[in-house]
PDB file of N, CA and C in Angstrom:
ATOM      1  N   UNK A   1     -24.358   8.028 -34.431  1.00  0.00           N
ATOM      2  CA  UNK A   1     -24.866   8.733 -33.269  1.00  0.00           C
ATOM      3  C   UNK A   1     -24.757   7.863 -32.014  1.00  0.00           C
ATOM      4  N   UNK A   2     -25.091   6.580 -32.156  1.00  0.00           N
ATOM      5  CA  UNK A   2     -25.021   5.674 -31.008  1.00  0.00           C
ATOM      6  C   UNK A   2     -23.592   5.544 -30.501  1.00  0.00           C
ATOM      7  N   UNK A   3     -22.638   5.549 -31.418  1.00  0.00           N
ATOM      8  CA  UNK A   3     -21.230   5.452 -31.021  1.00  0.00           C
ATOM      9  C   UNK A   3     -20.832   6.681 -30.211  1.00  0.00           C
ATOM     10  N   UNK A   4     -21.290   7.836 -30.617  1.00  0.00           N
ATOM     11  CA  UNK A   4     -20.989   9.069 -29.890  1.00  0.00           C
ATOM     12  C   UNK A   4     -21.562   9.013 -28.478  1.00  0.00           C
ATOM     13  N   UNK A   5     -22.788   8.547 -28.349  1.00  0.00           N
ATOM     14  CA  UNK A   5     -23.425   8.427 -27.032  1.00  0.00           C
ATOM     15  C   UNK A   5     -22.640   7.464 -26.153  1.00  0.00           C
ATOM     16  N   UNK A   6     -22.213   6.337 -26.715  1.00  0.00           N
ATOM     17  CA  UNK A   6     -21.428   5.369 -25.940  1.00  0.00           C
ATOM     18  C   UNK A   6     -20.079   5.951 -25.526  1.00  0.00           C
ATOM     19  N   UNK A   7     -19.450   6.700 -26.415  1.00  0.00           N
ATOM     20  CA  UNK A   7     -18.164   7.318 -26.082  1.00  0.00           C
ATOM     21  C   UNK A   7     -18.308   8.340 -24.956  1.00  0.00           C
ATOM     22  N   UNK A   8     -19.319   9.166 -25.047  1.00  0.00           N
ATOM     23  CA  UNK A   8     -19.559  10.166 -23.998  1.00  0.00           C
ATOM     24  C   UNK A   8     -19.891   9.468 -22.680  1.00  0.00           C
ATOM     25  N   UNK A   9     -20.726   8.436 -22.739  1.00  0.00           N
ATOM     26  CA  UNK A   9     -21.051   7.675 -21.532  1.00  0.00           C
ATOM     27  C   UNK A   9     -19.826   7.003 -20.943  1.00  0.00           C
ATOM     28  N   UNK A  10     -18.958   6.492 -21.806  1.00  0.00           N
ATOM     29  CA  UNK A  10     -17.721   5.863 -21.342  1.00  0.00           C
ATOM     30  C   UNK A  10     -16.796   6.853 -20.667  1.00  0.00           C
ATOM     31  N   UNK A  11     -16.676   8.045 -21.236  1.00  0.00           N
ATOM     32  CA  UNK A  11     -15.850   9.081 -20.613  1.00  0.00           C
ATOM     33  C   UNK A  11     -16.412   9.488 -19.256  1.00  0.00           C
ATOM     34  N   UNK A  12     -17.729   9.570 -19.167  1.00  0.00           N
ATOM     35  CA  UNK A  12     -18.357   9.875 -17.878  1.00  0.00           C
ATOM     36  C   UNK A  12     -18.073   8.791 -16.855  1.00  0.00           C
ATOM     37  N   UNK A  13     -18.094   7.533 -17.295  1.00  0.00           N
ATOM     38  CA  UNK A  13     -17.817   6.416 -16.389  1.00  0.00           C
ATOM     39  C   UNK A  13     -16.373   6.456 -15.897  1.00  0.00           C
ATOM     40  N   UNK A  14     -15.450   6.849 -16.763  1.00  0.00           N
ATOM     41  CA  UNK A  14     -14.044   6.970 -16.355  1.00  0.00           C
ATOM     42  C   UNK A  14     -13.904   8.042 -15.274  1.00  0.00           C
ATOM     43  N   UNK A  15     -14.567   9.158 -15.456  1.00  0.00           N
ATOM     44  CA  UNK A  15     -14.540  10.209 -14.436  1.00  0.00           C
ATOM     45  C   UNK A  15     -15.117   9.733 -13.114  1.00  0.00           C
ATOM     46  N   UNK A  16     -16.202   8.966 -13.192  1.00  0.00           N
ATOM     47  CA  UNK A  16     -16.809   8.422 -11.972  1.00  0.00           C
ATOM     48  C   UNK A  16     -15.863   7.431 -11.297  1.00  0.00           C
ATOM     49  N   UNK A  17     -15.153   6.633 -12.096  1.00  0.00           N
ATOM     50  CA  UNK A  17     -14.203   5.665 -11.544  1.00  0.00           C
ATOM     51  C   UNK A  17     -13.106   6.378 -10.769  1.00  0.00           C
ATOM     52  N   UNK A  18     -12.595   7.448 -11.333  1.00  0.00           N
ATOM     53  CA  UNK A  18     -11.543   8.213 -10.658  1.00  0.00           C
ATOM     54  C   UNK A  18     -12.057   8.779  -9.340  1.00  0.00           C
ATOM     55  N   UNK A  19     -13.278   9.280  -9.331  1.00  0.00           N
ATOM     56  CA  UNK A  19     -13.854   9.810  -8.084  1.00  0.00           C
ATOM     57  C   UNK A  19     -14.060   8.705  -7.057  1.00  0.00           C
ATOM     58  N   UNK A  20     -14.451   7.514  -7.487  1.00  0.00           N
ATOM     59  CA  UNK A  20     -14.597   6.379  -6.564  1.00  0.00           C
ATOM     60  C   UNK A  20     -13.245   5.994  -5.966  1.00  0.00           C
ATOM     61  N   UNK A  21     -12.203   5.984  -6.791  1.00  0.00           N
ATOM     62  CA  UNK A  21     -10.855   5.675  -6.297  1.00  0.00           C
ATOM     63  C   UNK A  21     -10.438   6.693  -5.242  1.00  0.00           C
ATOM     64  N   UNK A  22     -10.617   7.969  -5.537  1.00  0.00           N
ATOM     65  CA  UNK A  22     -10.249   9.020  -4.583  1.00  0.00           C
ATOM     66  C   UNK A  22     -11.041   8.894  -3.285  1.00  0.00           C
ATOM     67  N   UNK A  23     -12.334   8.623  -3.398  1.00  0.00           N
ATOM     68  CA  UNK A  23     -13.192   8.504  -2.216  1.00  0.00           C
ATOM     69  C   UNK A  23     -12.792   7.303  -1.366  1.00  0.00           C
ATOM     70  N   UNK A  24     -12.521   6.171  -1.997  1.00  0.00           N
ATOM     71  CA  UNK A  24     -12.129   4.972  -1.248  1.00  0.00           C
ATOM     72  C   UNK A  24     -10.797   5.188  -0.543  1.00  0.00           C
ATOM     73  N   UNK A  25      -9.853   5.803  -1.230  1.00  0.00           N
ATOM     74  CA  UNK A  25      -8.542   6.061  -0.629  1.00  0.00           C
ATOM     75  C   UNK A  25      -8.671   6.972   0.594  1.00  0.00           C
ATOM     76  N   UNK A  26      -9.433   8.041   0.459  1.00  0.00           N
ATOM     77  CA  UNK A  26      -9.604   8.976   1.576  1.00  0.00           C
ATOM     78  C   UNK A  26     -10.331   8.311   2.742  1.00  0.00           C
ATOM     79  N   UNK A  27     -11.357   7.525   2.451  1.00  0.00           N
ATOM     80  CA  UNK A  27     -12.100   6.841   3.512  1.00  0.00           C
ATOM     81  C   UNK A  27     -11.209   5.852   4.252  1.00  0.00           C
ATOM     82  N   UNK A  28     -10.409   5.092   3.533  1.00  0.00           N
ATOM     83  CA  UNK A  28      -9.516   4.125   4.183  1.00  0.00           C
ATOM     84  C   UNK A  28      -8.499   4.840   5.066  1.00  0.00           C
ATOM     85  N   UNK A  29      -7.954   5.930   4.573  1.00  0.00           N
ATOM     86  CA  UNK A  29      -6.958   6.682   5.341  1.00  0.00           C
ATOM     87  C   UNK A  29      -7.553   7.239   6.632  1.00  0.00           C
ATOM     88  N   UNK A  30      -8.734   7.840   6.536  1.00  0.00           N
ATOM     89  CA  UNK A  30      -9.369   8.403   7.729  1.00  0.00           C
ATOM     90  C   UNK A  30      -9.814   7.311   8.700  1.00  0.00           C
ATOM     91  N   UNK A  31     -10.365   6.223   8.181  1.00  0.00           N
ATOM     92  CA  UNK A  31     -10.800   5.129   9.054  1.00  0.00           C
ATOM     93  C   UNK A  31      -9.610   4.507   9.772  1.00  0.00           C
ATOM     94  N   UNK A  32      -8.461   4.450   9.124  1.00  0.00           N
ATOM     95  CA  UNK A  32      -7.254   3.902   9.756  1.00  0.00           C
ATOM     96  C   UNK A  32      -6.783   4.783  10.905  1.00  0.00           C
ATOM     97  N   UNK A  33      -7.169   6.043  10.878  1.00  0.00           N
ATOM     98  CA  UNK A  33      -6.844   6.965  11.970  1.00  0.00           C
ATOM     99  C   UNK A  33      -7.901   6.932  13.069  1.00  0.00           C
ATOM    100  N   UNK A  34      -8.935   6.099  12.896  1.00  0.00           N
ATOM    101  CA  UNK A  34      -9.986   5.992  13.898  1.00  0.00           C
ATOM    102  C   UNK A  34     -11.132   6.962  13.693  1.00  0.00           C
ATOM    103  N   UNK A  35     -11.229   7.554  12.525  1.00  0.00           N
ATOM    104  CA  UNK A  35     -12.262   8.543  12.234  1.00  0.00           C
ATOM    105  C   UNK A  35     -13.302   7.962  11.281  1.00  0.00           C
ATOM    106  N   UNK A  36     -14.014   6.927  11.735  1.00  0.00           N
ATOM    107  CA  UNK A  36     -14.961   6.210  10.888  1.00  0.00           C
ATOM    108  C   UNK A  36     -16.086   7.060  10.332  1.00  0.00           C
ATOM    109  N   UNK A  37     -16.724   7.859  11.184  1.00  0.00           N
ATOM    110  CA  UNK A  37     -17.839   8.698  10.715  1.00  0.00           C
ATOM    111  C   UNK A  37     -17.348   9.776   9.755  1.00  0.00           C
ATOM    112  N   UNK A  38     -16.220  10.364  10.077  1.00  0.00           N
ATOM    113  CA  UNK A  38     -15.629  11.365   9.191  1.00  0.00           C
ATOM    114  C   UNK A  38     -15.242  10.734   7.861  1.00  0.00           C
ATOM    115  N   UNK A  39     -14.748   9.495   7.914  1.00  0.00           N
ATOM    116  CA  UNK A  39     -14.342   8.783   6.699  1.00  0.00           C
ATOM    117  C   UNK A  39     -15.519   8.584   5.758  1.00  0.00           C
ATOM    118  N   UNK A  40     -16.636   8.153   6.307  1.00  0.00           N
ATOM    119  CA  UNK A  40     -17.825   7.926   5.483  1.00  0.00           C
ATOM    120  C   UNK A  40     -18.330   9.234   4.885  1.00  0.00           C
ATOM    121  N   UNK A  41     -18.368  10.280   5.694  1.00  0.00           N
ATOM    122  CA  UNK A  41     -18.837  11.584   5.206  1.00  0.00           C
ATOM    123  C   UNK A  41     -17.918  12.123   4.111  1.00  0.00           C
ATOM    124  N   UNK A  42     -16.619  11.999   4.305  1.00  0.00           N
ATOM    125  CA  UNK A  42     -15.666  12.486   3.302  1.00  0.00           C
ATOM    126  C   UNK A  42     -15.804  11.710   2.000  1.00  0.00           C
ATOM    127  N   UNK A  43     -15.954  10.402   2.110  1.00  0.00           N
ATOM    128  CA  UNK A  43     -16.100   9.579   0.902  1.00  0.00           C
ATOM    129  C   UNK A  43     -17.363   9.953   0.140  1.00  0.00           C
ATOM    130  N   UNK A  44     -18.449  10.194   0.847  1.00  0.00           N
ATOM    131  CA  UNK A  44     -19.701  10.576   0.175  1.00  0.00           C
ATOM    132  C   UNK A  44     -19.579  11.932  -0.512  1.00  0.00           C
ATOM    133  N   UNK A  45     -18.786  12.813   0.079  1.00  0.00           N
ATOM    134  CA  UNK A  45     -18.574  14.132  -0.515  1.00  0.00           C
ATOM    135  C   UNK A  45     -17.745  14.024  -1.805  1.00  0.00           C
ATOM    136  N   UNK A  46     -16.760  13.137  -1.812  1.00  0.00           N
ATOM    137  CA  UNK A  46     -15.851  12.990  -2.954  1.00  0.00           C
ATOM    138  C   UNK A  46     -16.455  12.128  -4.056  1.00  0.00           C
ATOM    139  N   UNK A  47     -17.173  11.088  -3.659  1.00  0.00           N
ATOM    140  CA  UNK A  47     -17.702  10.098  -4.606  1.00  0.00           C
ATOM    141  C   UNK A  47     -18.793  10.690  -5.497  1.00  0.00           C
ATOM    142  N   UNK A  48     -19.090  10.013  -6.603  1.00  0.00           N
ATOM    143  CA  UNK A  48     -20.197  10.464  -7.455  1.00  0.00           C
ATOM    144  C   UNK A  48     -21.520  10.434  -6.691  1.00  0.00           C
ATOM    145  N   UNK A  49     -22.450  11.217  -7.133  1.00  0.00           N
ATOM    146  CA  UNK A  49     -23.769  11.281  -6.518  1.00  0.00           C
ATOM    147  C   UNK A  49     -24.420   9.896  -6.489  1.00  0.00           C
ATOM    148  N   UNK A  50     -24.971   9.529  -5.350  1.00  0.00           N
ATOM    149  CA  UNK A  50     -25.654   8.247  -5.215  1.00  0.00           C
ATOM    150  C   UNK A  50     -24.737   7.069  -4.949  1.00  0.00           C
ATOM    151  N   UNK A  51     -23.459   7.317  -4.729  1.00  0.00           N
ATOM    152  CA  UNK A  51     -22.509   6.228  -4.487  1.00  0.00           C
ATOM    153  C   UNK A  51     -22.767   5.567  -3.135  1.00  0.00           C
ATOM    154  N   UNK A  52     -22.405   4.306  -3.053  1.00  0.00           N
ATOM    155  CA  UNK A  52     -22.516   3.543  -1.812  1.00  0.00           C
ATOM    156  C   UNK A  52     -21.114   3.422  -1.223  1.00  0.00           C
ATOM    157  N   UNK A  53     -20.986   3.757   0.065  1.00  0.00           N
ATOM    158  CA  UNK A  53     -19.704   3.695   0.764  1.00  0.00           C
ATOM    159  C   UNK A  53     -19.803   2.637   1.845  1.00  0.00           C
ATOM    160  N   UNK A  54     -18.820   1.742   1.883  1.00  0.00           N
ATOM    161  CA  UNK A  54     -18.827   0.663   2.870  1.00  0.00           C
ATOM    162  C   UNK A  54     -17.440   0.571   3.500  1.00  0.00           C
ATOM    163  N   UNK A  55     -17.391   0.619   4.836  1.00  0.00           N
ATOM    164  CA  UNK A  55     -16.146   0.440   5.579  1.00  0.00           C
ATOM    165  C   UNK A  55     -16.202  -0.883   6.313  1.00  0.00           C
ATOM    166  N   UNK A  56     -15.093  -1.615   6.310  1.00  0.00           N
ATOM    167  CA  UNK A  56     -15.047  -2.905   7.000  1.00  0.00           C
ATOM    168  C   UNK A  56     -13.616  -3.188   7.441  1.00  0.00           C
ATOM    169  N   UNK A  57     -13.498  -4.166   8.308  1.00  0.00           N
ATOM    170  CA  UNK A  57     -12.180  -4.661   8.712  1.00  0.00           C
ATOM    171  C   UNK A  57     -11.965  -6.008   8.051  1.00  0.00           C
ATOM    172  N   UNK A  58     -10.767  -6.197   7.547  1.00  0.00           N
ATOM    173  CA  UNK A  58     -10.409  -7.466   6.919  1.00  0.00           C
ATOM    174  C   UNK A  58      -9.032  -7.843   7.438  1.00  0.00           C
ATOM    175  N   UNK A  59      -9.025  -8.747   8.407  1.00  0.00           N
ATOM    176  CA  UNK A  59      -7.759  -9.080   9.045  1.00  0.00           C
ATOM    177  C   UNK A  59      -7.243  -7.870   9.800  1.00  0.00           C
ATOM    178  N   UNK A  60      -6.035  -7.452   9.496  1.00  0.00           N
ATOM    179  CA  UNK A  60      -5.454  -6.296  10.159  1.00  0.00           C
ATOM    180  C   UNK A  60      -5.610  -5.010   9.376  1.00  0.00           C
ATOM    181  N   UNK A  61      -6.498  -4.993   8.400  1.00  0.00           N
ATOM    182  CA  UNK A  61      -6.664  -3.818   7.551  1.00  0.00           C
ATOM    183  C   UNK A  61      -8.042  -3.190   7.694  1.00  0.00           C
ATOM    184  N   UNK A  62      -8.112  -1.911   7.418  1.00  0.00           N
ATOM    185  CA  UNK A  62      -9.383  -1.214   7.255  1.00  0.00           C
ATOM    186  C   UNK A  62      -9.605  -1.119   5.749  1.00  0.00           C
ATOM    187  N   UNK A  63     -10.769  -1.561   5.288  1.00  0.00           N
ATOM    188  CA  UNK A  63     -11.052  -1.580   3.854  1.00  0.00           C
ATOM    189  C   UNK A  63     -12.243  -0.672   3.561  1.00  0.00           C
ATOM    190  N   UNK A  64     -12.082   0.186   2.584  1.00  0.00           N
ATOM    191  CA  UNK A  64     -13.165   1.066   2.134  1.00  0.00           C
ATOM    192  C   UNK A  64     -13.543   0.671   0.714  1.00  0.00           C
ATOM    193  N   UNK A  65     -14.848   0.507   0.482  1.00  0.00           N
ATOM    194  CA  UNK A  65     -15.355   0.200  -0.856  1.00  0.00           C
ATOM    195  C   UNK A  65     -16.356   1.282  -1.248  1.00  0.00           C
ATOM    196  N   UNK A  66     -16.217   1.782  -2.449  1.00  0.00           N
ATOM    197  CA  UNK A  66     -17.125   2.805  -2.969  1.00  0.00           C
ATOM    198  C   UNK A  66     -17.600   2.335  -4.339  1.00  0.00           C
ATOM    199  N   UNK A  67     -18.910   2.338  -4.548  1.00  0.00           N
ATOM    200  CA  UNK A  67     -19.446   1.943  -5.855  1.00  0.00           C
ATOM    201  C   UNK A  67     -20.580   2.885  -6.246  1.00  0.00           C
ATOM    202  N   UNK A  68     -20.734   3.042  -7.561  1.00  0.00           N
ATOM    203  CA  UNK A  68     -21.769   3.940  -8.082  1.00  0.00           C
ATOM    204  C   UNK A  68     -22.236   3.442  -9.442  1.00  0.00           C
ATOM    205  N   UNK A  69     -23.523   3.625  -9.698  1.00  0.00           N
ATOM    206  CA  UNK A  69     -24.095   3.272 -10.998  1.00  0.00           C
ATOM    207  C   UNK A  69     -23.744   4.368 -12.003  1.00  0.00           C
ATOM    208  N   UNK A  70     -23.422   3.964 -13.220  1.00  0.00           N
ATOM    209  CA  UNK A  70     -23.100   4.929 -14.272  1.00  0.00           C
ATOM    210  C   UNK A  70     -24.347   5.263 -15.077  1.00  0.00           C
ATOM    211  N   UNK A  71     -24.206   6.216 -15.970  1.00  0.00           N
ATOM    212  CA  UNK A  71     -25.320   6.571 -16.859  1.00  0.00           C
ATOM    213  C   UNK A  71     -25.557   5.481 -17.906  1.00  0.00           C
ATOM    214  N   UNK A  72     -24.552   4.634 -18.119  1.00  0.00           N
ATOM    215  CA  UNK A  72     -24.705   3.515 -19.052  1.00  0.00           C
ATOM    216  C   UNK A  72     -25.468   2.400 -18.350  1.00  0.00           C
ATOM    217  N   UNK A  73     -26.579   1.970 -18.881  1.00  0.00           N
ATOM    218  CA  UNK A  73     -27.389   0.937 -18.219  1.00  0.00           C
ATOM    219  C   UNK A  73     -26.593  -0.345 -17.952  1.00  0.00           C
ATOM    220  N   UNK A  74     -26.693  -0.822 -16.723  1.00  0.00           N
ATOM    221  CA  UNK A  74     -26.058  -2.081 -16.364  1.00  0.00           C
ATOM    222  C   UNK A  74     -24.597  -1.980 -15.971  1.00  0.00           C
ATOM    223  N   UNK A  75     -24.025  -0.790 -15.968  1.00  0.00           N
ATOM    224  CA  UNK A  75     -22.621  -0.634 -15.615  1.00  0.00           C
ATOM    225  C   UNK A  75     -22.487   0.065 -14.270  1.00  0.00           C
ATOM    226  N   UNK A  76     -21.640  -0.507 -13.435  1.00  0.00           N
ATOM    227  CA  UNK A  76     -21.334   0.069 -12.133  1.00  0.00           C
ATOM    228  C   UNK A  76     -19.826   0.217 -12.026  1.00  0.00           C
ATOM    229  N   UNK A  77     -19.379   1.313 -11.469  1.00  0.00           N
ATOM    230  CA  UNK A  77     -17.953   1.486 -11.206  1.00  0.00           C
ATOM    231  C   UNK A  77     -17.743   1.350  -9.705  1.00  0.00           C
ATOM    232  N   UNK A  78     -16.592   0.822  -9.332  1.00  0.00           N
ATOM    233  CA  UNK A  78     -16.302   0.674  -7.910  1.00  0.00           C
ATOM    234  C   UNK A  78     -14.801   0.734  -7.690  1.00  0.00           C
ATOM    235  N   UNK A  79     -14.440   1.007  -6.456  1.00  0.00           N
ATOM    236  CA  UNK A  79     -13.036   1.059  -6.073  1.00  0.00           C
ATOM    237  C   UNK A  79     -12.914   0.581  -4.638  1.00  0.00           C
ATOM    238  N   UNK A  80     -11.760   0.059  -4.322  1.00  0.00           N
ATOM    239  CA  UNK A  80     -11.500  -0.441  -2.977  1.00  0.00           C
ATOM    240  C   UNK A  80     -10.109   0.025  -2.574  1.00  0.00           C
ATOM    241  N   UNK A  81      -9.985   0.443  -1.319  1.00  0.00           N
ATOM    242  CA  UNK A  81      -8.693   0.850  -0.782  1.00  0.00           C
ATOM    243  C   UNK A  81      -8.562   0.276   0.618  1.00  0.00           C
ATOM    244  N   UNK A  82      -7.342  -0.035   1.000  1.00  0.00           N
ATOM    245  CA  UNK A  82      -7.089  -0.604   2.323  1.00  0.00           C
ATOM    246  C   UNK A  82      -5.966   0.166   2.998  1.00  0.00           C
ATOM    247  N   UNK A  83      -6.016   0.201   4.318  1.00  0.00           N
ATOM    248  CA  UNK A  83      -4.978   0.867   5.093  1.00  0.00           C
ATOM    249  C   UNK A  83      -4.785   0.117   6.403  1.00  0.00           C
ATOM    250  N   UNK A  84      -3.585   0.185   6.920  1.00  0.00           N
ATOM    251  CA  UNK A  84      -3.276  -0.422   8.212  1.00  0.00           C
ATOM    252  C   UNK A  84      -3.657   0.584   9.295  1.00  0.00           C
ATOM    253  N   UNK A  85      -4.469   0.155  10.280  1.00  0.00           N
ATOM    254  CA  UNK A  85      -4.849   1.083  11.356  1.00  0.00           C
ATOM    255  C   UNK A  85      -3.620   1.573  12.123  1.00  0.00           C
ATOM    256  N   UNK A  86      -3.669   2.805  12.549  1.00  0.00           N
ATOM    257  CA  UNK A  86      -2.583   3.349  13.351  1.00  0.00           C
ATOM    258  C   UNK A  86      -2.538   2.637  14.696  1.00  0.00           C
ATOM    259  N   UNK A  87      -1.376   2.586  15.334  1.00  0.00           N
ATOM    260  CA  UNK A  87      -1.274   1.928  16.639  1.00  0.00           C
ATOM    261  C   UNK A  87      -2.273   2.516  17.633  1.00  0.00           C
ATOM    262  N   UNK A  88      -2.917   1.640  18.362  1.00  0.00           N
ATOM    263  CA  UNK A  88      -3.882   2.060  19.364  1.00  0.00           C
ATOM    264  C   UNK A  88      -5.288   2.247  18.841  1.00  0.00           C
ATOM    265  N   UNK A  89      -5.486   2.096  17.537  1.00  0.00           N
ATOM    266  CA  UNK A  89      -6.824   2.212  16.951  1.00  0.00           C
ATOM    267  C   UNK A  89      -7.387   0.811  16.851  1.00  0.00           C
ATOM    268  N   UNK A  90      -8.505   0.591  17.530  1.00  0.00           N
ATOM    269  CA  UNK A  90      -9.035  -0.733  17.692  1.00  0.00           C
ATOM    270  C   UNK A  90      -9.777  -1.343  16.630  1.00  0.00           C
TER     271      UNK A  90
END
């Protein structure tokens, strides 16, 4: 029974990981276009419930990080995406 619970929890974590990847990618893309507030809102909509979204600049890149706690105790999934800002975006 415990193995079944772990397998189901693991599958749920994989689904959450995919949603974090999608959310980070979308946030980085929008932030690179200069749409920071829209980027954060879109990432929160795509990401798993309760996820943390963080946008930052790292050198010449816009970096989006999305992380969320899983149903498995002590496990967190996260994803990071980077994009080059479009010309004229400060």
